[in-house]
Amino acid sequence: MKYFYFILLIFLIAFFFIFTNLNSDIIVLDLFFVKIEGISVGFSMLFSVLVGAIISLILQLPKLFSRNSKAPFKKDENPQT
């Protein structure tokens, strides 16, 4: 279990590298205000997943850092003197 996360990270990086190399067709992205040329399909897909994960994390931060106000505060019924 000591090296589990390290091995998982290596496999994930290797998967991303293989995925981008297998999908190396060059495309043109035409967004609202910018046109991006010379980007591969694999890189654009990985980049969109990464941007989505970052946006999801940013939108979850207030919920993660807020205190649980639904649980009432319990006083100790038998205080020790």
Protein backbone atom coordinates (compact mmCIF):
# COMPACT_ATOMS: atom_id res chain seq x y z
CA MET A 1 0.00 0.00 0.00
CA LYS A 2 3.02 2.23 0.44
CA TYR A 3 3.59 2.78 -3.29
CA PHE A 4 0.00 2.32 -4.49
CA TYR A 5 -0.64 6.00 -5.29
CA PHE A 6 2.75 6.38 -6.96
CA ILE A 7 2.11 3.38 -9.22
CA LEU A 8 -1.40 4.65 -9.96
CA LEU A 9 0.01 8.05 -10.92
CA ILE A 10 2.59 6.45 -13.23
CA PHE A 11 -0.14 4.38 -14.93
CA LEU A 12 -2.32 7.48 -15.34
CA ILE A 13 0.50 9.51 -16.91
CA ALA A 14 1.37 6.60 -19.20
CA PHE A 15 -2.29 6.29 -20.22
CA PHE A 16 -2.48 10.02 -21.03
CA PHE A 17 0.72 9.83 -23.05
CA ILE A 18 -0.49 6.81 -25.05
CA PHE A 19 -3.93 8.39 -25.53
CA THR A 20 -2.49 11.61 -26.95
CA ASN A 21 -0.11 9.73 -29.25
CA LEU A 22 -2.84 7.46 -30.62
CA ASN A 23 -5.12 10.44 -31.32
CA SER A 24 -2.61 12.66 -33.06
CA ASP A 25 -4.83 13.96 -35.87
CA ILE A 26 -4.50 17.74 -36.14
CA ILE A 27 -7.76 19.68 -35.86
CA VAL A 28 -8.91 23.29 -35.78
CA LEU A 29 -10.91 24.45 -32.76
CA ASP A 30 -13.28 27.30 -33.57
CA LEU A 31 -14.49 28.74 -30.27
CA PHE A 32 -16.61 31.88 -29.79
CA PHE A 33 -13.84 34.46 -29.85
CA VAL A 34 -10.70 32.53 -30.76
CA LYS A 35 -9.66 30.02 -33.38
CA ILE A 36 -7.02 27.50 -32.32
CA GLU A 37 -5.16 25.69 -35.07
CA GLY A 38 -2.64 22.86 -34.91
CA ILE A 39 -3.90 21.02 -31.84
CA SER A 40 -4.31 17.23 -31.72
CA VAL A 41 -7.56 15.45 -30.89
CA GLY A 42 -6.07 13.64 -27.92
CA PHE A 43 -4.59 16.77 -26.36
CA SER A 44 -7.82 18.72 -26.81
CA MET A 45 -9.83 15.93 -25.15
CA LEU A 46 -7.43 15.63 -22.21
CA PHE A 47 -7.31 19.40 -21.80
CA SER A 48 -11.11 19.64 -21.76
CA VAL A 49 -11.33 16.93 -19.07
CA LEU A 50 -8.68 18.74 -17.00
CA VAL A 51 -10.47 22.09 -17.31
CA GLY A 52 -13.77 20.42 -16.35
CA ALA A 53 -12.19 18.87 -13.26
CA ILE A 54 -10.73 22.23 -12.20
CA ILE A 55 -14.07 24.01 -12.69
CA SER A 56 -15.83 21.27 -10.72
CA LEU A 57 -13.32 21.61 -7.88
CA ILE A 58 -13.74 25.39 -7.78
CA LEU A 59 -17.54 25.08 -7.65
CA GLN A 60 -17.32 22.48 -4.84
CA LEU A 61 -14.96 24.52 -2.62
CA PRO A 62 -17.69 26.46 -0.74
CA LYS A 63 -19.47 23.22 0.12
CA LEU A 64 -16.24 21.53 1.17
CA PHE A 65 -15.20 24.35 3.49
CA SER A 66 -18.59 25.15 5.01
CA ARG A 67 -19.38 23.86 8.44
CA ASN A 68 -22.15 21.37 8.95
CA SER A 69 -24.80 23.60 10.56
CA LYS A 70 -27.49 20.89 10.57
CA ALA A 71 -25.89 18.90 13.39
CA PRO A 72 -26.80 20.47 16.74
CA PHE A 73 -24.15 21.10 19.32
CA LYS A 74 -24.34 18.48 22.11
CA LYS A 75 -23.50 19.42 25.64
CA ASP A 76 -21.89 16.83 27.83
CA GLU A 77 -24.69 15.43 30.03
CA ASN A 78 -22.32 14.04 32.64
CA PRO A 79 -19.60 16.62 33.21
CA GLN A 80 -16.64 15.38 35.18
CA THR A 81 -15.59 17.51 38.10
